[in-house]
C-alpha cells in the first residue's frame, strides 16, 4: 500500500465516521436554572477579569516607565546634556 493510498484510506474512514455521527459531540441540554445561574455570574466574572487586566497593565506600565527612565538617564549621561561628563568617553 503506497503512502497516497494510506492517506486516502484514513480520509475515507474519517469521512465515514463523521457522516454516521460517531464523531459528533453529545447534545447537552441546559436547564433554565443552569442558564439563570450562568447569566447571573457574568457581571462578577467580567469584573474580576477587568480588575486583573487593570492590575497587569499597571505592572507593565511601571516596569516600562522604569526602564525608559533608566535609558533616558543613560542617554543624558552619555551625551553630557546636563553638564555631566561621561568619563568612559575620554
PDB file of N, CA and C in Angstrom:
ATOM      1  N   UNK A   1       0.842  -1.166   0.000  1.00  0.00           N
ATOM      2  CA  UNK A   1       0.000   0.000   0.000  1.00  0.00           C
ATOM      3  C   UNK A   1       0.896   1.239   0.000  1.00  0.00           C
ATOM      4  N   UNK A   2       0.702   2.149  -0.926  1.00  0.00           N
ATOM      5  CA  UNK A   2       1.522   3.351  -1.014  1.00  0.00           C
ATOM      6  C   UNK A   2       1.048   4.382  -0.001  1.00  0.00           C
ATOM      7  N   UNK A   3       1.842   5.392   0.153  1.00  0.00           N
ATOM      8  CA  UNK A   3       1.523   6.473   1.092  1.00  0.00           C
ATOM      9  C   UNK A   3       0.215   7.148   0.701  1.00  0.00           C
ATOM     10  N   UNK A   4       0.024   7.414  -0.562  1.00  0.00           N
ATOM     11  CA  UNK A   4      -1.183   8.074  -1.035  1.00  0.00           C
ATOM     12  C   UNK A   4      -2.417   7.221  -0.763  1.00  0.00           C
ATOM     13  N   UNK A   5      -2.302   5.928  -0.918  1.00  0.00           N
ATOM     14  CA  UNK A   5      -3.423   5.029  -0.636  1.00  0.00           C
ATOM     15  C   UNK A   5      -3.751   5.024   0.859  1.00  0.00           C
ATOM     16  N   UNK A   6      -2.723   5.087   1.701  1.00  0.00           N
ATOM     17  CA  UNK A   6      -2.941   5.134   3.147  1.00  0.00           C
ATOM     18  C   UNK A   6      -3.651   6.422   3.552  1.00  0.00           C
ATOM     19  N   UNK A   7      -3.224   7.530   2.978  1.00  0.00           N
ATOM     20  CA  UNK A   7      -3.857   8.818   3.271  1.00  0.00           C
ATOM     21  C   UNK A   7      -5.310   8.791   2.827  1.00  0.00           C
ATOM     22  N   UNK A   8      -5.569   8.267   1.650  1.00  0.00           N
ATOM     23  CA  UNK A   8      -6.937   8.180   1.147  1.00  0.00           C
ATOM     24  C   UNK A   8      -7.789   7.306   2.064  1.00  0.00           C
ATOM     25  N   UNK A   9      -7.241   6.213   2.545  1.00  0.00           N
ATOM     26  CA  UNK A   9      -7.966   5.311   3.435  1.00  0.00           C
ATOM     27  C   UNK A   9      -8.324   6.009   4.744  1.00  0.00           C
ATOM     28  N   UNK A  10      -7.375   6.737   5.319  1.00  0.00           N
ATOM     29  CA  UNK A  10      -7.622   7.455   6.570  1.00  0.00           C
ATOM     30  C   UNK A  10      -8.701   8.513   6.361  1.00  0.00           C
ATOM     31  N   UNK A  11      -8.624   9.259   5.255  1.00  0.00           N
ATOM     32  CA  UNK A  11      -9.639  10.275   4.974  1.00  0.00           C
ATOM     33  C   UNK A  11     -11.011   9.649   4.765  1.00  0.00           C
ATOM     34  N   UNK A  12     -11.069   8.507   4.103  1.00  0.00           N
ATOM     35  CA  UNK A  12     -12.342   7.830   3.872  1.00  0.00           C
ATOM     36  C   UNK A  12     -12.951   7.366   5.196  1.00  0.00           C
ATOM     37  N   UNK A  13     -12.127   6.846   6.091  1.00  0.00           N
ATOM     38  CA  UNK A  13     -12.618   6.395   7.393  1.00  0.00           C
ATOM     39  C   UNK A  13     -13.113   7.585   8.212  1.00  0.00           C
ATOM     40  N   UNK A  14     -12.365   8.668   8.205  1.00  0.00           N
ATOM     41  CA  UNK A  14     -12.770   9.861   8.948  1.00  0.00           C
ATOM     42  C   UNK A  14     -14.090  10.402   8.409  1.00  0.00           C
ATOM     43  N   UNK A  15     -14.233  10.462   7.094  1.00  0.00           N
ATOM     44  CA  UNK A  15     -15.479  10.944   6.484  1.00  0.00           C
ATOM     45  C   UNK A  15     -16.634  10.027   6.857  1.00  0.00           C
ATOM     46  N   UNK A  16     -16.424   8.720   6.838  1.00  0.00           N
ATOM     47  CA  UNK A  16     -17.484   7.771   7.197  1.00  0.00           C
ATOM     48  C   UNK A  16     -17.926   7.980   8.644  1.00  0.00           C
ATOM     49  N   UNK A  17     -16.962   8.148   9.554  1.00  0.00           N
ATOM     50  CA  UNK A  17     -17.300   8.350  10.956  1.00  0.00           C
ATOM     51  C   UNK A  17     -18.082   9.642  11.159  1.00  0.00           C
ATOM     52  N   UNK A  18     -17.700  10.695  10.446  1.00  0.00           N
ATOM     53  CA  UNK A  18     -18.406  11.968  10.581  1.00  0.00           C
ATOM     54  C   UNK A  18     -19.820  11.884  10.025  1.00  0.00           C
ATOM     55  N   UNK A  19     -19.970  11.214   8.911  1.00  0.00           N
ATOM     56  CA  UNK A  19     -21.283  11.102   8.282  1.00  0.00           C
ATOM     57  C   UNK A  19     -22.223  10.259   9.137  1.00  0.00           C
ATOM     58  N   UNK A  20     -21.720   9.193   9.723  1.00  0.00           N
ATOM     59  CA  UNK A  20     -22.581   8.299  10.508  1.00  0.00           C
ATOM     60  C   UNK A  20     -22.840   8.838  11.913  1.00  0.00           C
ATOM     61  N   UNK A  21     -22.180   9.910  12.300  1.00  0.00           N
ATOM     62  CA  UNK A  21     -22.458  10.519  13.594  1.00  0.00           C
ATOM     63  C   UNK A  21     -21.606  10.024  14.729  1.00  0.00           C
ATOM     64  N   UNK A  22     -20.669   9.149  14.474  1.00  0.00           N
ATOM     65  CA  UNK A  22     -19.823   8.633  15.544  1.00  0.00           C
ATOM     66  C   UNK A  22     -18.930   9.740  16.096  1.00  0.00           C
ATOM     67  N   UNK A  23     -18.503  10.654  15.241  1.00  0.00           N
ATOM     68  CA  UNK A  23     -17.583  11.704  15.662  1.00  0.00           C
ATOM     69  C   UNK A  23     -18.303  12.943  16.177  1.00  0.00           C
ATOM     70  N   UNK A  24     -19.623  12.947  16.204  1.00  0.00           N
ATOM     71  CA  UNK A  24     -20.362  14.121  16.663  1.00  0.00           C
ATOM     72  C   UNK A  24     -20.340  14.204  18.182  1.00  0.00           C
ATOM     73  N   UNK A  25     -20.384  15.429  18.670  1.00  0.00           N
ATOM     74  CA  UNK A  25     -20.415  15.645  20.106  1.00  0.00           C
ATOM     75  C   UNK A  25     -21.815  15.341  20.633  1.00  0.00           C
ATOM     76  N   UNK A  26     -21.863  14.997  21.905  1.00  0.00           N
ATOM     77  CA  UNK A  26     -23.160  14.729  22.517  1.00  0.00           C
ATOM     78  C   UNK A  26     -23.932  16.029  22.690  1.00  0.00           C
ATOM     79  N   UNK A  27     -25.241  15.947  22.528  1.00  0.00           N
ATOM     80  CA  UNK A  27     -26.082  17.106  22.792  1.00  0.00           C
ATOM     81  C   UNK A  27     -26.305  17.203  24.288  1.00  0.00           C
ATOM     82  N   UNK A  28     -26.086  18.389  24.830  1.00  0.00           N
ATOM     83  CA  UNK A  28     -26.280  18.594  26.256  1.00  0.00           C
ATOM     84  C   UNK A  28     -27.403  19.589  26.423  1.00  0.00           C
ATOM     85  N   UNK A  29     -28.375  19.243  27.220  1.00  0.00           N
ATOM     86  CA  UNK A  29     -29.468  20.164  27.474  1.00  0.00           C
ATOM     87  C   UNK A  29     -29.128  21.000  28.689  1.00  0.00           C
ATOM     88  N   UNK A  30     -29.508  22.256  28.638  1.00  0.00           N
ATOM     89  CA  UNK A  30     -29.261  23.177  29.733  1.00  0.00           C
ATOM     90  C   UNK A  30     -30.603  23.510  30.366  1.00  0.00           C
ATOM     91  N   UNK A  31     -30.671  23.334  31.656  1.00  0.00           N
ATOM     92  CA  UNK A  31     -31.921  23.623  32.355  1.00  0.00           C
ATOM     93  C   UNK A  31     -32.050  25.134  32.541  1.00  0.00           C
ATOM     94  N   UNK A  32     -33.264  25.620  32.729  1.00  0.00           N
ATOM     95  CA  UNK A  32     -33.441  27.059  32.974  1.00  0.00           C
ATOM     96  C   UNK A  32     -32.663  27.540  34.196  1.00  0.00           C
ATOM     97  N   UNK A  33     -32.552  26.711  35.230  1.00  0.00           N
ATOM     98  CA  UNK A  33     -31.801  27.103  36.425  1.00  0.00           C
ATOM     99  C   UNK A  33     -30.318  27.273  36.111  1.00  0.00           C
ATOM    100  N   UNK A  34     -29.772  26.362  35.312  1.00  0.00           N
ATOM    101  CA  UNK A  34     -28.359  26.486  34.915  1.00  0.00           C
ATOM    102  C   UNK A  34     -28.138  27.743  34.089  1.00  0.00           C
ATOM    103  N   UNK A  35     -29.082  28.026  33.203  1.00  0.00           N
ATOM    104  CA  UNK A  35     -28.959  29.221  32.366  1.00  0.00           C
ATOM    105  C   UNK A  35     -28.985  30.483  33.212  1.00  0.00           C
ATOM    106  N   UNK A  36     -29.941  30.567  34.140  1.00  0.00           N
ATOM    107  CA  UNK A  36     -30.053  31.749  35.002  1.00  0.00           C
ATOM    108  C   UNK A  36     -28.800  31.898  35.854  1.00  0.00           C
ATOM    109  N   UNK A  37     -28.298  30.785  36.387  1.00  0.00           N
ATOM    110  CA  UNK A  37     -27.086  30.834  37.214  1.00  0.00           C
ATOM    111  C   UNK A  37     -25.896  31.336  36.393  1.00  0.00           C
ATOM    112  N   UNK A  38     -25.761  30.817  35.185  1.00  0.00           N
ATOM    113  CA  UNK A  38     -24.651  31.219  34.316  1.00  0.00           C
ATOM    114  C   UNK A  38     -24.737  32.697  33.974  1.00  0.00           C
ATOM    115  N   UNK A  39     -25.932  33.157  33.631  1.00  0.00           N
ATOM    116  CA  UNK A  39     -26.114  34.565  33.269  1.00  0.00           C
ATOM    117  C   UNK A  39     -25.869  35.461  34.480  1.00  0.00           C
ATOM    118  N   UNK A  40     -26.295  35.027  35.654  1.00  0.00           N
ATOM    119  CA  UNK A  40     -26.110  35.858  36.853  1.00  0.00           C
ATOM    120  C   UNK A  40     -24.633  35.959  37.253  1.00  0.00           C
ATOM    121  N   UNK A  41     -23.803  34.998  36.849  1.00  0.00           N
ATOM    122  CA  UNK A  41     -22.379  35.025  37.185  1.00  0.00           C
ATOM    123  C   UNK A  41     -21.563  35.917  36.252  1.00  0.00           C
ATOM    124  N   UNK A  42     -22.149  36.310  35.124  1.00  0.00           N
ATOM    125  CA  UNK A  42     -21.403  37.078  34.127  1.00  0.00           C
ATOM    126  C   UNK A  42     -20.859  38.394  34.676  1.00  0.00           C
ATOM    127  N   UNK A  43     -21.663  39.241  35.347  1.00  0.00           N
ATOM    128  CA  UNK A  43     -21.097  40.514  35.826  1.00  0.00           C
ATOM    129  C   UNK A  43     -19.907  40.345  36.753  1.00  0.00           C
ATOM    130  N   UNK A  44     -19.970  39.389  37.679  1.00  0.00           N
ATOM    131  CA  UNK A  44     -18.834  39.220  38.589  1.00  0.00           C
ATOM    132  C   UNK A  44     -17.609  38.682  37.854  1.00  0.00           C
ATOM    133  N   UNK A  45     -17.823  37.791  36.872  1.00  0.00           N
ATOM    134  CA  UNK A  45     -16.696  37.267  36.102  1.00  0.00           C
ATOM    135  C   UNK A  45     -16.052  38.361  35.261  1.00  0.00           C
ATOM    136  N   UNK A  46     -16.881  39.214  34.662  1.00  0.00           N
ATOM    137  CA  UNK A  46     -16.344  40.318  33.862  1.00  0.00           C
ATOM    138  C   UNK A  46     -15.585  41.291  34.758  1.00  0.00           C
ATOM    139  N   UNK A  47     -16.148  41.581  35.930  1.00  0.00           N
ATOM    140  CA  UNK A  47     -15.474  42.484  36.867  1.00  0.00           C
ATOM    141  C   UNK A  47     -14.135  41.938  37.315  1.00  0.00           C
ATOM    142  N   UNK A  48     -14.097  40.649  37.624  1.00  0.00           N
ATOM    143  CA  UNK A  48     -12.846  40.016  38.042  1.00  0.00           C
ATOM    144  C   UNK A  48     -11.817  40.056  36.919  1.00  0.00           C
ATOM    145  N   UNK A  49     -12.256  39.741  35.702  1.00  0.00           N
ATOM    146  CA  UNK A  49     -11.344  39.771  34.557  1.00  0.00           C
ATOM    147  C   UNK A  49     -10.817  41.188  34.341  1.00  0.00           C
ATOM    148  N   UNK A  50     -11.716  42.182  34.397  1.00  0.00           N
ATOM    149  CA  UNK A  50     -11.322  43.564  34.153  1.00  0.00           C
ATOM    150  C   UNK A  50     -10.313  44.033  35.198  1.00  0.00           C
ATOM    151  N   UNK A  51     -10.565  43.732  36.467  1.00  0.00           N
ATOM    152  CA  UNK A  51      -9.625  44.130  37.521  1.00  0.00           C
ATOM    153  C   UNK A  51      -8.264  43.467  37.325  1.00  0.00           C
ATOM    154  N   UNK A  52      -8.253  42.221  36.891  1.00  0.00           N
ATOM    155  CA  UNK A  52      -6.988  41.551  36.605  1.00  0.00           C
ATOM    156  C   UNK A  52      -6.233  42.211  35.466  1.00  0.00           C
ATOM    157  N   UNK A  53      -6.964  42.609  34.424  1.00  0.00           N
ATOM    158  CA  UNK A  53      -6.330  43.292  33.288  1.00  0.00           C
ATOM    159  C   UNK A  53      -5.764  44.650  33.710  1.00  0.00           C
ATOM    160  N   UNK A  54      -6.509  45.382  34.553  1.00  0.00           N
ATOM    161  CA  UNK A  54      -6.023  46.684  35.036  1.00  0.00           C
ATOM    162  C   UNK A  54      -4.744  46.496  35.833  1.00  0.00           C
ATOM    163  N   UNK A  55      -4.718  45.492  36.692  1.00  0.00           N
ATOM    164  CA  UNK A  55      -3.529  45.225  37.509  1.00  0.00           C
ATOM    165  C   UNK A  55      -2.331  44.868  36.630  1.00  0.00           C
ATOM    166  N   UNK A  56      -2.554  43.982  35.645  1.00  0.00           N
ATOM    167  CA  UNK A  56      -1.452  43.609  34.747  1.00  0.00           C
ATOM    168  C   UNK A  56      -0.951  44.815  33.954  1.00  0.00           C
ATOM    169  N   UNK A  57      -1.871  45.667  33.517  1.00  0.00           N
ATOM    170  CA  UNK A  57      -1.475  46.847  32.751  1.00  0.00           C
ATOM    171  C   UNK A  57      -0.653  47.802  33.605  1.00  0.00           C
ATOM    172  N   UNK A  58      -1.077  48.020  34.838  1.00  0.00           N
ATOM    173  CA  UNK A  58      -0.337  48.914  35.735  1.00  0.00           C
ATOM    174  C   UNK A  58       1.072  48.380  36.005  1.00  0.00           C
ATOM    175  N   UNK A  59       1.188  47.065  36.215  1.00  0.00           N
ATOM    176  CA  UNK A  59       2.507  46.468  36.446  1.00  0.00           C
ATOM    177  C   UNK A  59       3.396  46.624  35.220  1.00  0.00           C
ATOM    178  N   UNK A  60       2.837  46.378  34.042  1.00  0.00           N
ATOM    179  CA  UNK A  60       3.612  46.516  32.804  1.00  0.00           C
ATOM    180  C   UNK A  60       4.064  47.961  32.623  1.00  0.00           C
ATOM    181  N   UNK A  61       3.145  48.911  32.845  1.00  0.00           N
ATOM    182  CA  UNK A  61       3.495  50.313  32.671  1.00  0.00           C
ATOM    183  C   UNK A  61       4.576  50.747  33.656  1.00  0.00           C
ATOM    184  N   UNK A  62       4.495  50.275  34.889  1.00  0.00           N
ATOM    185  CA  UNK A  62       5.509  50.641  35.886  1.00  0.00           C
ATOM    186  C   UNK A  62       6.886  50.135  35.450  1.00  0.00           C
ATOM    187  N   UNK A  63       6.955  48.884  34.983  1.00  0.00           N
ATOM    188  CA  UNK A  63       8.236  48.340  34.516  1.00  0.00           C
ATOM    189  C   UNK A  63       8.727  49.082  33.285  1.00  0.00           C
ATOM    190  N   UNK A  64       7.808  49.365  32.370  1.00  0.00           N
ATOM    191  CA  UNK A  64       8.176  50.037  31.132  1.00  0.00           C
ATOM    192  C   UNK A  64       8.698  51.448  31.399  1.00  0.00           C
ATOM    193  N   UNK A  65       8.009  52.186  32.263  1.00  0.00           N
ATOM    194  CA  UNK A  65       8.451  53.548  32.571  1.00  0.00           C
ATOM    195  C   UNK A  65       9.772  53.540  33.323  1.00  0.00           C
ATOM    196  N   UNK A  66       9.980  52.573  34.205  1.00  0.00           N
ATOM    197  CA  UNK A  66      11.249  52.497  34.931  1.00  0.00           C
ATOM    198  C   UNK A  66      12.402  52.256  33.960  1.00  0.00           C
ATOM    199  N   UNK A  67      12.207  51.366  32.992  1.00  0.00           N
ATOM    200  CA  UNK A  67      13.246  51.100  32.003  1.00  0.00           C
ATOM    201  C   UNK A  67      13.494  52.331  31.139  1.00  0.00           C
ATOM    202  N   UNK A  68      12.428  52.991  30.734  1.00  0.00           N
ATOM    203  CA  UNK A  68      12.573  54.200  29.916  1.00  0.00           C
ATOM    204  C   UNK A  68      13.324  55.280  30.681  1.00  0.00           C
ATOM    205  N   UNK A  69      13.011  55.415  31.959  1.00  0.00           N
ATOM    206  CA  UNK A  69      13.683  56.412  32.791  1.00  0.00           C
ATOM    207  C   UNK A  69      15.181  56.102  32.884  1.00  0.00           C
ATOM    208  N   UNK A  70      15.524  54.822  33.075  1.00  0.00           N
ATOM    209  CA  UNK A  70      16.936  54.422  33.140  1.00  0.00           C
ATOM    210  C   UNK A  70      17.635  54.680  31.804  1.00  0.00           C
ATOM    211  N   UNK A  71      16.971  54.322  30.715  1.00  0.00           N
ATOM    212  CA  UNK A  71      17.558  54.523  29.394  1.00  0.00           C
ATOM    213  C   UNK A  71      17.789  56.002  29.111  1.00  0.00           C
ATOM    214  N   UNK A  72      16.820  56.835  29.485  1.00  0.00           N
ATOM    215  CA  UNK A  72      16.959  58.273  29.249  1.00  0.00           C
ATOM    216  C   UNK A  72      18.099  58.850  30.090  1.00  0.00           C
ATOM    217  N   UNK A  73      18.202  58.425  31.341  1.00  0.00           N
ATOM    218  CA  UNK A  73      19.290  58.898  32.204  1.00  0.00           C
ATOM    219  C   UNK A  73      20.639  58.490  31.627  1.00  0.00           C
ATOM    220  N   UNK A  74      20.713  57.282  31.088  1.00  0.00           N
ATOM    221  CA  UNK A  74      21.946  56.809  30.477  1.00  0.00           C
ATOM    222  C   UNK A  74      22.288  57.639  29.238  1.00  0.00           C
ATOM    223  N   UNK A  75      21.280  57.964  28.456  1.00  0.00           N
ATOM    224  CA  UNK A  75      21.489  58.766  27.258  1.00  0.00           C
ATOM    225  C   UNK A  75      21.967  60.171  27.614  1.00  0.00           C
ATOM    226  N   UNK A  76      21.331  60.749  28.615  1.00  0.00           N
ATOM    227  CA  UNK A  76      21.726  62.089  29.055  1.00  0.00           C
ATOM    228  C   UNK A  76      23.164  62.069  29.544  1.00  0.00           C
ATOM    229  N   UNK A  77      23.517  61.071  30.301  1.00  0.00           N
ATOM    230  CA  UNK A  77      24.879  60.971  30.831  1.00  0.00           C
ATOM    231  C   UNK A  77      25.880  60.751  29.701  1.00  0.00           C
ATOM    232  N   UNK A  78      25.493  59.915  28.731  1.00  0.00           N
ATOM    233  CA  UNK A  78      26.399  59.594  27.626  1.00  0.00           C
ATOM    234  C   UNK A  78      26.743  60.828  26.804  1.00  0.00           C
ATOM    235  N   UNK A  79      25.749  61.683  26.545  1.00  0.00           N
ATOM    236  CA  UNK A  79      25.989  62.862  25.727  1.00  0.00           C
ATOM    237  C   UNK A  79      26.271  64.110  26.556  1.00  0.00           C
ATOM    238  N   UNK A  80      26.270  63.992  27.864  1.00  0.00           N
ATOM    239  CA  UNK A  80      26.598  65.115  28.723  1.00  0.00           C
ATOM    240  C   UNK A  80      25.616  66.262  28.585  1.00  0.00           C
ATOM    241  N   UNK A  81      24.356  65.970  28.454  1.00  0.00           N
ATOM    242  CA  UNK A  81      23.353  67.009  28.229  1.00  0.00           C
ATOM    243  C   UNK A  81      23.063  67.841  29.464  1.00  0.00           C
ATOM    244  N   UNK A  82      23.411  67.368  30.637  1.00  0.00           N
ATOM    245  CA  UNK A  82      23.156  68.115  31.864  1.00  0.00           C
ATOM    246  C   UNK A  82      24.442  68.630  32.474  1.00  0.00           C
ATOM    247  N   UNK A  83      25.477  68.717  31.688  1.00  0.00           N
ATOM    248  CA  UNK A  83      26.733  69.248  32.157  1.00  0.00           C
ATOM    249  C   UNK A  83      27.640  68.207  32.804  1.00  0.00           C
ATOM    250  N   UNK A  84      27.162  66.963  32.913  1.00  0.00           N
ATOM    251  CA  UNK A  84      27.983  65.905  33.481  1.00  0.00           C
ATOM    252  C   UNK A  84      28.772  65.252  32.368  1.00  0.00           C
ATOM    253  N   UNK A  85      30.045  64.958  32.618  1.00  0.00           N
ATOM    254  CA  UNK A  85      30.848  64.302  31.599  1.00  0.00           C
ATOM    255  C   UNK A  85      30.912  62.822  31.892  1.00  0.00           C
ATOM    256  N   UNK A  86      30.830  62.051  30.836  1.00  0.00           N
ATOM    257  CA  UNK A  86      30.981  60.613  30.943  1.00  0.00           C
ATOM    258  C   UNK A  86      32.464  60.303  30.819  1.00  0.00           C
ATOM    259  N   UNK A  87      33.052  59.847  31.914  1.00  0.00           N
ATOM    260  CA  UNK A  87      34.481  59.613  31.965  1.00  0.00           C
ATOM    261  C   UNK A  87      34.919  58.479  31.031  1.00  0.00           C
ATOM    262  N   UNK A  88      34.009  57.580  30.665  1.00  0.00           N
ATOM    263  CA  UNK A  88      34.388  56.455  29.815  1.00  0.00           C
ATOM    264  C   UNK A  88      34.612  56.905  28.364  1.00  0.00           C
ATOM    265  N   UNK A  89      34.198  58.100  28.003  1.00  0.00           N
ATOM    266  CA  UNK A  89      34.361  58.602  26.642  1.00  0.00           C
ATOM    267  C   UNK A  89      35.733  59.220  26.399  1.00  0.00           C
ATOM    268  N   UNK A  90      36.514  59.462  27.459  1.00  0.00           N
ATOM    269  CA  UNK A  90      37.836  60.109  27.317  1.00  0.00           C
ATOM    270  C   UNK A  90      38.879  59.154  26.851  1.00  0.00           C
TER     271      UNK A  90
END
